[in-house]
PDB file of N, CA and C in Angstrom:
ATOM      1  N   UNK A   1      -1.118 145.187 246.828  1.00  0.00           N
ATOM      2  CA  UNK A   1      -0.655 145.455 245.479  1.00  0.00           C
ATOM      3  C   UNK A   1       0.528 144.580 245.120  1.00  0.00           C
ATOM      4  N   UNK A   2       1.416 144.360 246.048  1.00  0.00           N
ATOM      5  CA  UNK A   2       2.576 143.517 245.787  1.00  0.00           C
ATOM      6  C   UNK A   2       2.148 142.081 245.529  1.00  0.00           C
ATOM      7  N   UNK A   3       1.184 141.584 246.295  1.00  0.00           N
ATOM      8  CA  UNK A   3       0.743 140.203 246.096  1.00  0.00           C
ATOM      9  C   UNK A   3       0.081 140.013 244.744  1.00  0.00           C
ATOM     10  N   UNK A   4      -0.584 141.019 244.240  1.00  0.00           N
ATOM     11  CA  UNK A   4      -1.210 140.931 242.913  1.00  0.00           C
ATOM     12  C   UNK A   4      -0.142 140.816 241.837  1.00  0.00           C
ATOM     13  N   UNK A   5       0.912 141.593 241.944  1.00  0.00           N
ATOM     14  CA  UNK A   5       1.994 141.521 240.966  1.00  0.00           C
ATOM     15  C   UNK A   5       2.665 140.152 241.000  1.00  0.00           C
ATOM     16  N   UNK A   6       2.851 139.611 242.154  1.00  0.00           N
ATOM     17  CA  UNK A   6       3.475 138.296 242.284  1.00  0.00           C
ATOM     18  C   UNK A   6       2.590 137.234 241.652  1.00  0.00           C
ATOM     19  N   UNK A   7       1.294 137.324 241.880  1.00  0.00           N
ATOM     20  CA  UNK A   7       0.372 136.355 241.290  1.00  0.00           C
ATOM     21  C   UNK A   7       0.376 136.467 239.770  1.00  0.00           C
ATOM     22  N   UNK A   8       0.436 137.701 239.259  1.00  0.00           N
ATOM     23  CA  UNK A   8       0.440 137.894 237.817  1.00  0.00           C
ATOM     24  C   UNK A   8       1.687 137.284 237.196  1.00  0.00           C
ATOM     25  N   UNK A   9       2.816 137.506 237.831  1.00  0.00           N
ATOM     26  CA  UNK A   9       4.065 136.948 237.326  1.00  0.00           C
ATOM     27  C   UNK A   9       4.032 135.427 237.413  1.00  0.00           C
ATOM     28  N   UNK A  10       3.526 134.904 238.518  1.00  0.00           N
ATOM     29  CA  UNK A  10       3.437 133.461 238.690  1.00  0.00           C
ATOM     30  C   UNK A  10       2.500 132.858 237.659  1.00  0.00           C
ATOM     31  N   UNK A  11       1.351 133.493 237.400  1.00  0.00           N
ATOM     32  CA  UNK A  11       0.408 133.013 236.402  1.00  0.00           C
ATOM     33  C   UNK A  11       1.015 133.003 235.014  1.00  0.00           C
ATOM     34  N   UNK A  12       1.737 134.046 234.667  1.00  0.00           N
ATOM     35  CA  UNK A  12       2.407 134.117 233.375  1.00  0.00           C
ATOM     36  C   UNK A  12       3.456 133.021 233.259  1.00  0.00           C
ATOM     37  N   UNK A  13       4.198 132.796 234.301  1.00  0.00           N
ATOM     38  CA  UNK A  13       5.218 131.746 234.293  1.00  0.00           C
ATOM     39  C   UNK A  13       4.585 130.382 234.091  1.00  0.00           C
ATOM     40  N   UNK A  14       3.435 130.153 234.721  1.00  0.00           N
ATOM     41  CA  UNK A  14       2.753 128.872 234.569  1.00  0.00           C
ATOM     42  C   UNK A  14       2.291 128.664 233.132  1.00  0.00           C
ATOM     43  N   UNK A  15       1.737 129.706 232.521  1.00  0.00           N
ATOM     44  CA  UNK A  15       1.269 129.598 231.139  1.00  0.00           C
ATOM     45  C   UNK A  15       2.444 129.337 230.203  1.00  0.00           C
ATOM     46  N   UNK A  16       3.520 130.086 230.360  1.00  0.00           N
ATOM     47  CA  UNK A  16       4.689 129.887 229.509  1.00  0.00           C
ATOM     48  C   UNK A  16       5.298 128.509 229.721  1.00  0.00           C
ATOM     49  N   UNK A  17       5.349 128.078 230.963  1.00  0.00           N
ATOM     50  CA  UNK A  17       5.886 126.752 231.267  1.00  0.00           C
ATOM     51  C   UNK A  17       5.030 125.653 230.680  1.00  0.00           C
ATOM     52  N   UNK A  18       3.719 125.782 230.768  1.00  0.00           N
ATOM     53  CA  UNK A  18       2.816 124.749 230.244  1.00  0.00           C
ATOM     54  C   UNK A  18       2.901 124.665 228.726  1.00  0.00           C
ATOM     55  N   UNK A  19       3.009 125.797 228.043  1.00  0.00           N
ATOM     56  CA  UNK A  19       3.068 125.758 226.575  1.00  0.00           C
ATOM     57  C   UNK A  19       4.387 125.178 226.087  1.00  0.00           C
ATOM     58  N   UNK A  20       5.427 125.268 226.879  1.00  0.00           N
ATOM     59  CA  UNK A  20       6.703 124.695 226.437  1.00  0.00           C
ATOM     60  C   UNK A  20       6.713 123.177 226.559  1.00  0.00           C
ATOM     61  N   UNK A  21       5.751 122.602 227.278  1.00  0.00           N
ATOM     62  CA  UNK A  21       5.677 121.150 227.408  1.00  0.00           C
ATOM     63  C   UNK A  21       5.174 120.482 226.131  1.00  0.00           C
ATOM     64  N   UNK A  22       4.434 121.229 225.311  1.00  0.00           N
ATOM     65  CA  UNK A  22       3.851 120.684 224.090  1.00  0.00           C
ATOM     66  C   UNK A  22       4.481 121.351 222.883  1.00  0.00           C
ATOM     67  N   UNK A  23       4.917 120.564 221.922  1.00  0.00           N
ATOM     68  CA  UNK A  23       5.458 121.193 220.712  1.00  0.00           C
ATOM     69  C   UNK A  23       4.353 121.931 219.969  1.00  0.00           C
ATOM     70  N   UNK A  24       4.724 122.985 219.268  1.00  0.00           N
ATOM     71  CA  UNK A  24       3.736 123.776 218.525  1.00  0.00           C
ATOM     72  C   UNK A  24       3.024 122.943 217.473  1.00  0.00           C
ATOM     73  N   UNK A  25       3.676 121.959 216.907  1.00  0.00           N
ATOM     74  CA  UNK A  25       3.047 121.141 215.870  1.00  0.00           C
ATOM     75  C   UNK A  25       1.850 120.362 216.412  1.00  0.00           C
ATOM     76  N   UNK A  26       1.794 120.157 217.719  1.00  0.00           N
ATOM     77  CA  UNK A  26       0.655 119.442 218.288  1.00  0.00           C
ATOM     78  C   UNK A  26      -0.625 120.246 218.144  1.00  0.00           C
ATOM     79  N   UNK A  27      -0.495 121.551 217.982  1.00  0.00           N
ATOM     80  CA  UNK A  27      -1.658 122.417 217.845  1.00  0.00           C
ATOM     81  C   UNK A  27      -1.956 122.768 216.387  1.00  0.00           C
ATOM     82  N   UNK A  28      -1.096 122.379 215.469  1.00  0.00           N
ATOM     83  CA  UNK A  28      -1.258 122.738 214.060  1.00  0.00           C
ATOM     84  C   UNK A  28      -2.213 121.780 213.367  1.00  0.00           C
ATOM     85  N   UNK A  29      -2.900 122.313 212.362  1.00  0.00           N
ATOM     86  CA  UNK A  29      -3.783 121.480 211.542  1.00  0.00           C
ATOM     87  C   UNK A  29      -3.030 121.014 210.308  1.00  0.00           C
ATOM     88  N   UNK A  30      -3.601 120.030 209.662  1.00  0.00           N
ATOM     89  CA  UNK A  30      -3.009 119.513 208.429  1.00  0.00           C
ATOM     90  C   UNK A  30      -3.006 120.606 207.378  1.00  0.00           C
ATOM     91  N   UNK A  31      -1.995 120.554 206.539  1.00  0.00           N
ATOM     92  CA  UNK A  31      -1.921 121.519 205.454  1.00  0.00           C
ATOM     93  C   UNK A  31      -1.215 120.905 204.257  1.00  0.00           C
ATOM     94  N   UNK A  32      -1.462 121.494 203.110  1.00  0.00           N
ATOM     95  CA  UNK A  32      -0.864 121.027 201.876  1.00  0.00           C
ATOM     96  C   UNK A  32       0.626 121.332 201.890  1.00  0.00           C
ATOM     97  N   UNK A  33       1.443 120.315 201.582  1.00  0.00           N
ATOM     98  CA  UNK A  33       2.890 120.503 201.501  1.00  0.00           C
ATOM     99  C   UNK A  33       3.340 120.777 200.078  1.00  0.00           C
ATOM    100  N   UNK A  34       2.772 120.012 199.132  1.00  0.00           N
ATOM    101  CA  UNK A  34       3.198 120.183 197.750  1.00  0.00           C
ATOM    102  C   UNK A  34       2.124 119.696 196.785  1.00  0.00           C
ATOM    103  N   UNK A  35       2.228 120.160 195.551  1.00  0.00           N
ATOM    104  CA  UNK A  35       1.324 119.724 194.484  1.00  0.00           C
ATOM    105  C   UNK A  35       2.137 119.482 193.220  1.00  0.00           C
ATOM    106  N   UNK A  36       1.674 118.535 192.433  1.00  0.00           N
ATOM    107  CA  UNK A  36       2.263 118.272 191.122  1.00  0.00           C
ATOM    108  C   UNK A  36       1.120 118.182 190.127  1.00  0.00           C
ATOM    109  N   UNK A  37       1.065 119.054 189.110  1.00  0.00           N
ATOM    110  CA  UNK A  37       1.937 120.189 188.894  1.00  0.00           C
ATOM    111  C   UNK A  37       1.749 121.250 189.982  1.00  0.00           C
ATOM    112  N   UNK A  38       2.707 122.140 190.077  1.00  0.00           N
ATOM    113  CA  UNK A  38       2.650 123.219 191.066  1.00  0.00           C
ATOM    114  C   UNK A  38       1.573 124.228 190.681  1.00  0.00           C
ATOM    115  N   UNK A  39       1.091 124.944 191.693  1.00  0.00           N
ATOM    116  CA  UNK A  39       0.104 126.000 191.457  1.00  0.00           C
ATOM    117  C   UNK A  39       0.679 127.035 190.496  1.00  0.00           C
ATOM    118  N   UNK A  40      -0.131 127.438 189.529  1.00  0.00           N
ATOM    119  CA  UNK A  40       0.200 128.450 188.526  1.00  0.00           C
ATOM    120  C   UNK A  40       1.307 128.024 187.564  1.00  0.00           C
ATOM    121  N   UNK A  41       1.625 126.734 187.542  1.00  0.00           N
ATOM    122  CA  UNK A  41       2.647 126.252 186.608  1.00  0.00           C
ATOM    123  C   UNK A  41       2.155 126.410 185.173  1.00  0.00           C
ATOM    124  N   UNK A  42       3.088 126.662 184.287  1.00  0.00           N
ATOM    125  CA  UNK A  42       2.800 126.693 182.854  1.00  0.00           C
ATOM    126  C   UNK A  42       3.590 125.539 182.242  1.00  0.00           C
ATOM    127  N   UNK A  43       2.861 124.562 181.720  1.00  0.00           N
ATOM    128  CA  UNK A  43       3.472 123.339 181.207  1.00  0.00           C
ATOM    129  C   UNK A  43       3.459 123.319 179.688  1.00  0.00           C
ATOM    130  N   UNK A  44       4.481 122.706 179.094  1.00  0.00           N
ATOM    131  CA  UNK A  44       4.537 122.605 177.630  1.00  0.00           C
ATOM    132  C   UNK A  44       3.896 121.321 177.114  1.00  0.00           C
ATOM    133  N   UNK A  45       3.609 120.391 178.034  1.00  0.00           N
ATOM    134  CA  UNK A  45       2.921 119.163 177.635  1.00  0.00           C
ATOM    135  C   UNK A  45       1.942 118.745 178.725  1.00  0.00           C
ATOM    136  N   UNK A  46       1.038 117.888 178.356  1.00  0.00           N
ATOM    137  CA  UNK A  46      -0.015 117.433 179.254  1.00  0.00           C
ATOM    138  C   UNK A  46       0.549 116.486 180.319  1.00  0.00           C
ATOM    139  N   UNK A  47       0.264 116.741 181.602  1.00  0.00           N
ATOM    140  CA  UNK A  47       0.708 115.801 182.635  1.00  0.00           C
ATOM    141  C   UNK A  47      -0.175 114.552 182.609  1.00  0.00           C
ATOM    142  N   UNK A  48       0.351 113.450 183.084  1.00  0.00           N
ATOM    143  CA  UNK A  48      -0.430 112.207 183.097  1.00  0.00           C
ATOM    144  C   UNK A  48      -1.281 112.083 184.355  1.00  0.00           C
ATOM    145  N   UNK A  49      -0.930 112.866 185.388  1.00  0.00           N
ATOM    146  CA  UNK A  49      -1.685 112.819 186.646  1.00  0.00           C
ATOM    147  C   UNK A  49      -1.483 114.106 187.425  1.00  0.00           C
ATOM    148  N   UNK A  50      -2.262 114.221 188.490  1.00  0.00           N
ATOM    149  CA  UNK A  50      -2.146 115.333 189.432  1.00  0.00           C
ATOM    150  C   UNK A  50      -1.970 114.713 190.808  1.00  0.00           C
ATOM    151  N   UNK A  51      -1.153 115.367 191.630  1.00  0.00           N
ATOM    152  CA  UNK A  51      -0.838 114.823 192.952  1.00  0.00           C
ATOM    153  C   UNK A  51      -0.822 115.941 193.989  1.00  0.00           C
ATOM    154  N   UNK A  52      -1.423 115.676 195.154  1.00  0.00           N
ATOM    155  CA  UNK A  52      -1.421 116.623 196.271  1.00  0.00           C
ATOM    156  C   UNK A  52      -0.897 115.881 197.494  1.00  0.00           C
ATOM    157  N   UNK A  53       0.088 116.476 198.181  1.00  0.00           N
ATOM    158  CA  UNK A  53       0.682 115.863 199.365  1.00  0.00           C
ATOM    159  C   UNK A  53       0.466 116.775 200.566  1.00  0.00           C
ATOM    160  N   UNK A  54      -0.025 116.192 201.652  1.00  0.00           N
ATOM    161  CA  UNK A  54      -0.220 116.913 202.915  1.00  0.00           C
ATOM    162  C   UNK A  54       0.938 116.620 203.857  1.00  0.00           C
ATOM    163  N   UNK A  55       0.928 117.279 205.005  1.00  0.00           N
ATOM    164  CA  UNK A  55       1.961 117.027 206.006  1.00  0.00           C
ATOM    165  C   UNK A  55       1.566 115.906 206.963  1.00  0.00           C
ATOM    166  N   UNK A  56       0.390 115.313 206.768  1.00  0.00           N
ATOM    167  CA  UNK A  56      -0.082 114.203 207.594  1.00  0.00           C
ATOM    168  C   UNK A  56      -0.771 113.182 206.693  1.00  0.00           C
ATOM    169  N   UNK A  57      -0.878 111.930 207.141  1.00  0.00           N
ATOM    170  CA  UNK A  57      -1.578 110.917 206.341  1.00  0.00           C
ATOM    171  C   UNK A  57      -3.025 111.308 206.055  1.00  0.00           C
ATOM    172  N   UNK A  58      -3.528 110.848 204.914  1.00  0.00           N
ATOM    173  CA  UNK A  58      -4.886 111.140 204.456  1.00  0.00           C
ATOM    174  C   UNK A  58      -5.761 109.915 204.670  1.00  0.00           C
ATOM    175  N   UNK A  59      -6.966 110.136 205.203  1.00  0.00           N
ATOM    176  CA  UNK A  59      -7.933 109.055 205.348  1.00  0.00           C
ATOM    177  C   UNK A  59      -8.660 108.876 204.017  1.00  0.00           C
ATOM    178  N   UNK A  60      -9.019 107.646 203.691  1.00  0.00           N
ATOM    179  CA  UNK A  60      -9.655 107.393 202.397  1.00  0.00           C
ATOM    180  C   UNK A  60     -11.106 107.861 202.340  1.00  0.00           C
ATOM    181  N   UNK A  61     -11.796 107.874 203.470  1.00  0.00           N
ATOM    182  CA  UNK A  61     -13.210 108.278 203.445  1.00  0.00           C
ATOM    183  C   UNK A  61     -13.336 109.782 203.221  1.00  0.00           C
ATOM    184  N   UNK A  62     -14.204 110.140 202.288  1.00  0.00           N
ATOM    185  CA  UNK A  62     -14.480 111.549 202.021  1.00  0.00           C
ATOM    186  C   UNK A  62     -13.459 112.253 201.160  1.00  0.00           C
ATOM    187  N   UNK A  63     -12.503 111.538 200.602  1.00  0.00           N
ATOM    188  CA  UNK A  63     -11.472 112.171 199.782  1.00  0.00           C
ATOM    189  C   UNK A  63     -11.977 112.399 198.358  1.00  0.00           C
ATOM    190  N   UNK A  64     -11.643 113.552 197.804  1.00  0.00           N
ATOM    191  CA  UNK A  64     -12.027 113.874 196.426  1.00  0.00           C
ATOM    192  C   UNK A  64     -10.924 114.705 195.785  1.00  0.00           C
ATOM    193  N   UNK A  65     -10.666 114.435 194.528  1.00  0.00           N
ATOM    194  CA  UNK A  65      -9.681 115.186 193.743  1.00  0.00           C
ATOM    195  C   UNK A  65     -10.170 115.193 192.303  1.00  0.00           C
ATOM    196  N   UNK A  66     -10.433 116.370 191.783  1.00  0.00           N
ATOM    197  CA  UNK A  66     -10.941 116.481 190.415  1.00  0.00           C
ATOM    198  C   UNK A  66     -10.211 117.608 189.698  1.00  0.00           C
ATOM    199  N   UNK A  67     -10.007 117.433 188.413  1.00  0.00           N
ATOM    200  CA  UNK A  67      -9.381 118.452 187.575  1.00  0.00           C
ATOM    201  C   UNK A  67     -10.372 118.798 186.478  1.00  0.00           C
ATOM    202  N   UNK A  68     -10.620 120.100 186.317  1.00  0.00           N
ATOM    203  CA  UNK A  68     -11.604 120.569 185.331  1.00  0.00           C
ATOM    204  C   UNK A  68     -10.947 121.545 184.364  1.00  0.00           C
ATOM    205  N   UNK A  69     -11.390 121.469 183.128  1.00  0.00           N
ATOM    206  CA  UNK A  69     -10.903 122.376 182.086  1.00  0.00           C
ATOM    207  C   UNK A  69     -11.530 123.753 182.261  1.00  0.00           C
ATOM    208  N   UNK A  70     -11.102 124.690 181.436  1.00  0.00           N
ATOM    209  CA  UNK A  70     -11.640 126.054 181.528  1.00  0.00           C
ATOM    210  C   UNK A  70     -13.129 126.108 181.193  1.00  0.00           C
ATOM    211  N   UNK A  71     -13.655 125.102 180.488  1.00  0.00           N
ATOM    212  CA  UNK A  71     -15.100 125.059 180.223  1.00  0.00           C
ATOM    213  C   UNK A  71     -15.810 124.119 181.211  1.00  0.00           C
ATOM    214  N   UNK A  72     -15.158 123.854 182.348  1.00  0.00           N
ATOM    215  CA  UNK A  72     -15.723 123.132 183.501  1.00  0.00           C
ATOM    216  C   UNK A  72     -15.996 121.646 183.260  1.00  0.00           C
ATOM    217  N   UNK A  73     -15.311 121.045 182.298  1.00  0.00           N
ATOM    218  CA  UNK A  73     -15.445 119.608 182.068  1.00  0.00           C
ATOM    219  C   UNK A  73     -14.352 118.866 182.836  1.00  0.00           C
ATOM    220  N   UNK A  74     -14.715 117.762 183.468  1.00  0.00           N
ATOM    221  CA  UNK A  74     -13.730 116.955 184.191  1.00  0.00           C
ATOM    222  C   UNK A  74     -12.767 116.305 183.201  1.00  0.00           C
ATOM    223  N   UNK A  75     -11.482 116.367 183.512  1.00  0.00           N
ATOM    224  CA  UNK A  75     -10.467 115.730 182.676  1.00  0.00           C
ATOM    225  C   UNK A  75      -9.745 114.630 183.459  1.00  0.00           C
ATOM    226  N   UNK A  76     -10.331 114.220 184.571  1.00  0.00           N
ATOM    227  CA  UNK A  76      -9.757 113.129 185.357  1.00  0.00           C
ATOM    228  C   UNK A  76     -10.162 111.792 184.751  1.00  0.00           C
ATOM    229  N   UNK A  77      -9.336 110.802 184.985  1.00  0.00           N
ATOM    230  CA  UNK A  77      -9.581 109.460 184.468  1.00  0.00           C
ATOM    231  C   UNK A  77      -9.494 108.484 185.636  1.00  0.00           C
ATOM    232  N   UNK A  78     -10.628 107.991 186.057  1.00  0.00           N
ATOM    233  CA  UNK A  78     -10.637 107.061 187.186  1.00  0.00           C
ATOM    234  C   UNK A  78     -10.813 107.770 188.521  1.00  0.00           C
ATOM    235  N   UNK A  79     -10.713 106.976 189.566  1.00  0.00           N
ATOM    236  CA  UNK A  79     -10.909 107.498 190.922  1.00  0.00           C
ATOM    237  C   UNK A  79      -9.567 107.900 191.533  1.00  0.00           C
ATOM    238  N   UNK A  80      -9.606 108.849 192.468  1.00  0.00           N
ATOM    239  CA  UNK A  80      -8.371 109.240 193.160  1.00  0.00           C
ATOM    240  C   UNK A  80      -7.801 108.070 193.969  1.00  0.00           C
ATOM    241  N   UNK A  81      -6.485 108.055 194.084  1.00  0.00           N
ATOM    242  CA  UNK A  81      -5.785 107.045 194.870  1.00  0.00           C
ATOM    243  C   UNK A  81      -5.064 107.727 196.022  1.00  0.00           C
ATOM    244  N   UNK A  82      -5.102 107.081 197.178  1.00  0.00           N
ATOM    245  CA  UNK A  82      -4.445 107.629 198.363  1.00  0.00           C
ATOM    246  C   UNK A  82      -3.325 106.701 198.774  1.00  0.00           C
ATOM    247  N   UNK A  83      -2.165 107.294 199.037  1.00  0.00           N
ATOM    248  CA  UNK A  83      -1.014 106.548 199.522  1.00  0.00           C
ATOM    249  C   UNK A  83      -0.332 107.395 200.594  1.00  0.00           C
ATOM    250  N   UNK A  84      -0.592 107.064 201.849  1.00  0.00           N
ATOM    251  CA  UNK A  84       0.012 107.813 202.953  1.00  0.00           C
ATOM    252  C   UNK A  84      -0.472 109.245 203.005  1.00  0.00           C
ATOM    253  N   UNK A  85       0.422 110.178 202.724  1.00  0.00           N
ATOM    254  CA  UNK A  85       0.124 111.607 202.787  1.00  0.00           C
ATOM    255  C   UNK A  85      -0.291 112.187 201.435  1.00  0.00           C
ATOM    256  N   UNK A  86      -0.391 111.327 200.413  1.00  0.00           N
ATOM    257  CA  UNK A  86      -0.598 111.813 199.045  1.00  0.00           C
ATOM    258  C   UNK A  86      -1.888 111.279 198.434  1.00  0.00           C
ATOM    259  N   UNK A  87      -2.597 112.163 197.743  1.00  0.00           N
ATOM    260  CA  UNK A  87      -3.752 111.780 196.932  1.00  0.00           C
ATOM    261  C   UNK A  87      -3.404 112.145 195.492  1.00  0.00           C
ATOM    262  N   UNK A  88      -3.738 111.254 194.564  1.00  0.00           N
ATOM    263  CA  UNK A  88      -3.438 111.502 193.160  1.00  0.00           C
ATOM    264  C   UNK A  88      -4.569 110.976 192.293  1.00  0.00           C
ATOM    265  N   UNK A  89      -4.624 111.477 191.075  1.00  0.00           N
ATOM    266  CA  UNK A  89      -5.619 111.009 190.114  1.00  0.00           C
ATOM    267  C   UNK A  89      -5.014 111.106 188.717  1.00  0.00           C
ATOM    268  N   UNK A  90      -5.316 110.108 187.898  1.00  0.00           N
ATOM    269  CA  UNK A  90      -4.854 110.105 186.508  1.00  0.00           C
ATOM    270  C   UNK A  90      -5.684 111.099 185.700  1.00  0.00           C
ATOM    271  N   UNK A  91      -5.077 111.639 184.657  1.00  0.00           N
ATOM    272  CA  UNK A  91      -5.755 112.572 183.762  1.00  0.00           C
ATOM    273  C   UNK A  91      -5.955 111.937 182.394  1.00  0.00           C
ATOM    274  N   UNK A  92      -6.941 112.437 181.673  1.00  0.00           N
ATOM    275  CA  UNK A  92      -7.132 111.999 180.287  1.00  0.00           C
ATOM    276  C   UNK A  92      -5.859 112.313 179.498  1.00  0.00           C
ATOM    277  N   UNK A  93      -5.524 111.508 178.506  1.00  0.00           N
ATOM    278  CA  UNK A  93      -4.293 111.763 177.735  1.00  0.00           C
ATOM    279  C   UNK A  93      -4.430 112.978 176.826  1.00  0.00           C
ATOM    280  N   UNK A  94      -3.312 113.604 176.564  1.00  0.00           N
ATOM    281  CA  UNK A  94      -3.201 114.696 175.587  1.00  0.00           C
ATOM    282  C   UNK A  94      -4.174 115.838 175.815  1.00  0.00           C
ATOM    283  N   UNK A  95      -4.148 116.396 177.014  1.00  0.00           N
ATOM    284  CA  UNK A  95      -4.999 117.567 177.281  1.00  0.00           C
ATOM    285  C   UNK A  95      -4.578 118.711 176.378  1.00  0.00           C
ATOM    286  N   UNK A  96      -5.554 119.497 175.961  1.00  0.00           N
ATOM    287  CA  UNK A  96      -5.276 120.612 175.061  1.00  0.00           C
ATOM    288  C   UNK A  96      -4.739 121.815 175.829  1.00  0.00           C
ATOM    289  N   UNK A  97      -4.227 122.772 175.086  1.00  0.00           N
ATOM    290  CA  UNK A  97      -3.753 124.011 175.694  1.00  0.00           C
ATOM    291  C   UNK A  97      -4.930 124.719 176.341  1.00  0.00           C
ATOM    292  N   UNK A  98      -4.812 124.966 177.633  1.00  0.00           N
ATOM    293  CA  UNK A  98      -5.905 125.583 178.394  1.00  0.00           C
ATOM    294  C   UNK A  98      -5.440 125.772 179.838  1.00  0.00           C
ATOM    295  N   UNK A  99      -6.283 126.390 180.630  1.00  0.00           N
ATOM    296  CA  UNK A  99      -6.047 126.497 182.067  1.00  0.00           C
ATOM    297  C   UNK A  99      -6.948 125.483 182.759  1.00  0.00           C
ATOM    298  N   UNK A 100      -6.395 124.774 183.725  1.00  0.00           N
ATOM    299  CA  UNK A 100      -7.107 123.712 184.429  1.00  0.00           C
ATOM    300  C   UNK A 100      -7.147 124.022 185.925  1.00  0.00           C
ATOM    301  N   UNK A 101      -8.283 123.695 186.543  1.00  0.00           N
ATOM    302  CA  UNK A 101      -8.450 123.905 187.984  1.00  0.00           C
ATOM    303  C   UNK A 101      -8.429 122.548 188.686  1.00  0.00           C
ATOM    304  N   UNK A 102      -7.537 122.422 189.649  1.00  0.00           N
ATOM    305  CA  UNK A 102      -7.440 121.234 190.497  1.00  0.00           C
ATOM    306  C   UNK A 102      -8.167 121.564 191.797  1.00  0.00           C
ATOM    307  N   UNK A 103      -9.171 120.759 192.153  1.00  0.00           N
ATOM    308  CA  UNK A 103      -9.918 120.963 193.402  1.00  0.00           C
ATOM    309  C   UNK A 103      -9.832 119.687 194.221  1.00  0.00           C
ATOM    310  N   UNK A 104      -9.588 119.853 195.514  1.00  0.00           N
ATOM    311  CA  UNK A 104      -9.487 118.672 196.363  1.00  0.00           C
ATOM    312  C   UNK A 104     -10.071 118.914 197.741  1.00  0.00           C
ATOM    313  N   UNK A 105     -10.534 117.811 198.302  1.00  0.00           N
ATOM    314  CA  UNK A 105     -11.062 117.796 199.675  1.00  0.00           C
ATOM    315  C   UNK A 105     -10.616 116.479 200.279  1.00  0.00           C
ATOM    316  N   UNK A 106      -9.842 116.563 201.350  1.00  0.00           N
ATOM    317  CA  UNK A 106      -9.359 115.358 202.021  1.00  0.00           C
ATOM    318  C   UNK A 106      -9.512 115.516 203.525  1.00  0.00           C
ATOM    319  N   UNK A 107      -9.557 114.393 204.212  1.00  0.00           N
ATOM    320  CA  UNK A 107      -9.587 114.380 205.668  1.00  0.00           C
ATOM    321  C   UNK A 107      -8.267 113.768 206.119  1.00  0.00           C
ATOM    322  N   UNK A 108      -7.535 114.518 206.926  1.00  0.00           N
ATOM    323  CA  UNK A 108      -6.245 114.010 207.381  1.00  0.00           C
ATOM    324  C   UNK A 108      -6.424 113.104 208.592  1.00  0.00           C
ATOM    325  N   UNK A 109      -5.354 112.472 208.965  1.00  0.00           N
ATOM    326  CA  UNK A 109      -5.341 111.522 210.078  1.00  0.00           C
ATOM    327  C   UNK A 109      -5.858 112.132 211.385  1.00  0.00           C
ATOM    328  N   UNK A 110      -5.677 113.453 211.561  1.00  0.00           N
ATOM    329  CA  UNK A 110      -6.139 114.110 212.787  1.00  0.00           C
ATOM    330  C   UNK A 110      -7.610 114.536 212.707  1.00  0.00           C
ATOM    331  N   UNK A 111      -8.285 114.194 211.597  1.00  0.00           N
ATOM    332  CA  UNK A 111      -9.696 114.525 211.430  1.00  0.00           C
ATOM    333  C   UNK A 111      -9.939 115.884 210.810  1.00  0.00           C
ATOM    334  N   UNK A 112      -8.886 116.632 210.529  1.00  0.00           N
ATOM    335  CA  UNK A 112      -9.010 117.966 209.953  1.00  0.00           C
ATOM    336  C   UNK A 112      -9.293 117.863 208.452  1.00  0.00           C
ATOM    337  N   UNK A 113     -10.292 118.607 207.990  1.00  0.00           N
ATOM    338  CA  UNK A 113     -10.647 118.628 206.567  1.00  0.00           C
ATOM    339  C   UNK A 113      -9.812 119.704 205.867  1.00  0.00           C
ATOM    340  N   UNK A 114      -9.178 119.318 204.782  1.00  0.00           N
ATOM    341  CA  UNK A 114      -8.408 120.258 203.977  1.00  0.00           C
ATOM    342  C   UNK A 114      -9.097 120.355 202.623  1.00  0.00           C
ATOM    343  N   UNK A 115      -9.566 121.544 202.292  1.00  0.00           N
ATOM    344  CA  UNK A 115     -10.238 121.802 201.023  1.00  0.00           C
ATOM    345  C   UNK A 115      -9.538 122.969 200.347  1.00  0.00           C
ATOM    346  N   UNK A 116      -9.166 122.784 199.096  1.00  0.00           N
ATOM    347  CA  UNK A 116      -8.498 123.855 198.394  1.00  0.00           C
ATOM    348  C   UNK A 116      -8.564 123.615 196.888  1.00  0.00           C
ATOM    349  N   UNK A 117      -8.056 124.569 196.138  1.00  0.00           N
ATOM    350  CA  UNK A 117      -7.949 124.425 194.689  1.00  0.00           C
ATOM    351  C   UNK A 117      -6.829 125.297 194.191  1.00  0.00           C
ATOM    352  N   UNK A 118      -6.357 124.991 193.017  1.00  0.00           N
ATOM    353  CA  UNK A 118      -5.334 125.803 192.362  1.00  0.00           C
ATOM    354  C   UNK A 118      -5.432 125.570 190.864  1.00  0.00           C
ATOM    355  N   UNK A 119      -4.720 126.369 190.099  1.00  0.00           N
ATOM    356  CA  UNK A 119      -4.752 126.255 188.647  1.00  0.00           C
ATOM    357  C   UNK A 119      -3.360 125.982 188.086  1.00  0.00           C
ATOM    358  N   UNK A 120      -3.358 125.341 186.941  1.00  0.00           N
ATOM    359  CA  UNK A 120      -2.152 125.224 186.136  1.00  0.00           C
ATOM    360  C   UNK A 120      -2.567 125.400 184.680  1.00  0.00           C
ATOM    361  N   UNK A 121      -1.620 125.720 183.836  1.00  0.00           N
ATOM    362  CA  UNK A 121      -1.891 126.002 182.431  1.00  0.00           C
ATOM    363  C   UNK A 121      -1.020 125.125 181.539  1.00  0.00           C
ATOM    364  N   UNK A 122      -1.617 124.656 180.455  1.00  0.00           N
ATOM    365  CA  UNK A 122      -0.857 123.947 179.426  1.00  0.00           C
ATOM    366  C   UNK A 122      -0.796 124.856 178.206  1.00  0.00           C
ATOM    367  N   UNK A 123       0.426 125.117 177.741  1.00  0.00           N
ATOM    368  CA  UNK A 123       0.644 125.904 176.523  1.00  0.00           C
ATOM    369  C   UNK A 123       1.574 125.102 175.631  1.00  0.00           C
ATOM    370  N   UNK A 124       0.994 124.489 174.607  1.00  0.00           N
ATOM    371  CA  UNK A 124       1.791 123.644 173.689  1.00  0.00           C
ATOM    372  C   UNK A 124       2.355 124.470 172.558  1.00  0.00           C
TER     373      UNK A 124
END
């Protein structure tokens, strides 16, 4: 019985020791750090673009970013652009007062797919 307790303590010590060798961020997946406009923002004027920033660089293959009006029409202008950790897309000028859904799918440098969406509102 004593030897079993010693082995259990030794095994626990080994696990705790091994996990301290690697920072926790090594096990984390990519995630969204910020968006412009922010989720649920209420804006008094139309933004010229939408931007999503992750905590890791974004790969260009498979990236998508689209903004749709409340009647499901795309209001993006052109293709999304990627710069490091950020994907952005221009919007049509002078969007009307409405709620808009931003949807994105990107692959980060670690191969992790990040897919999400959020809304913002324009009230002129």
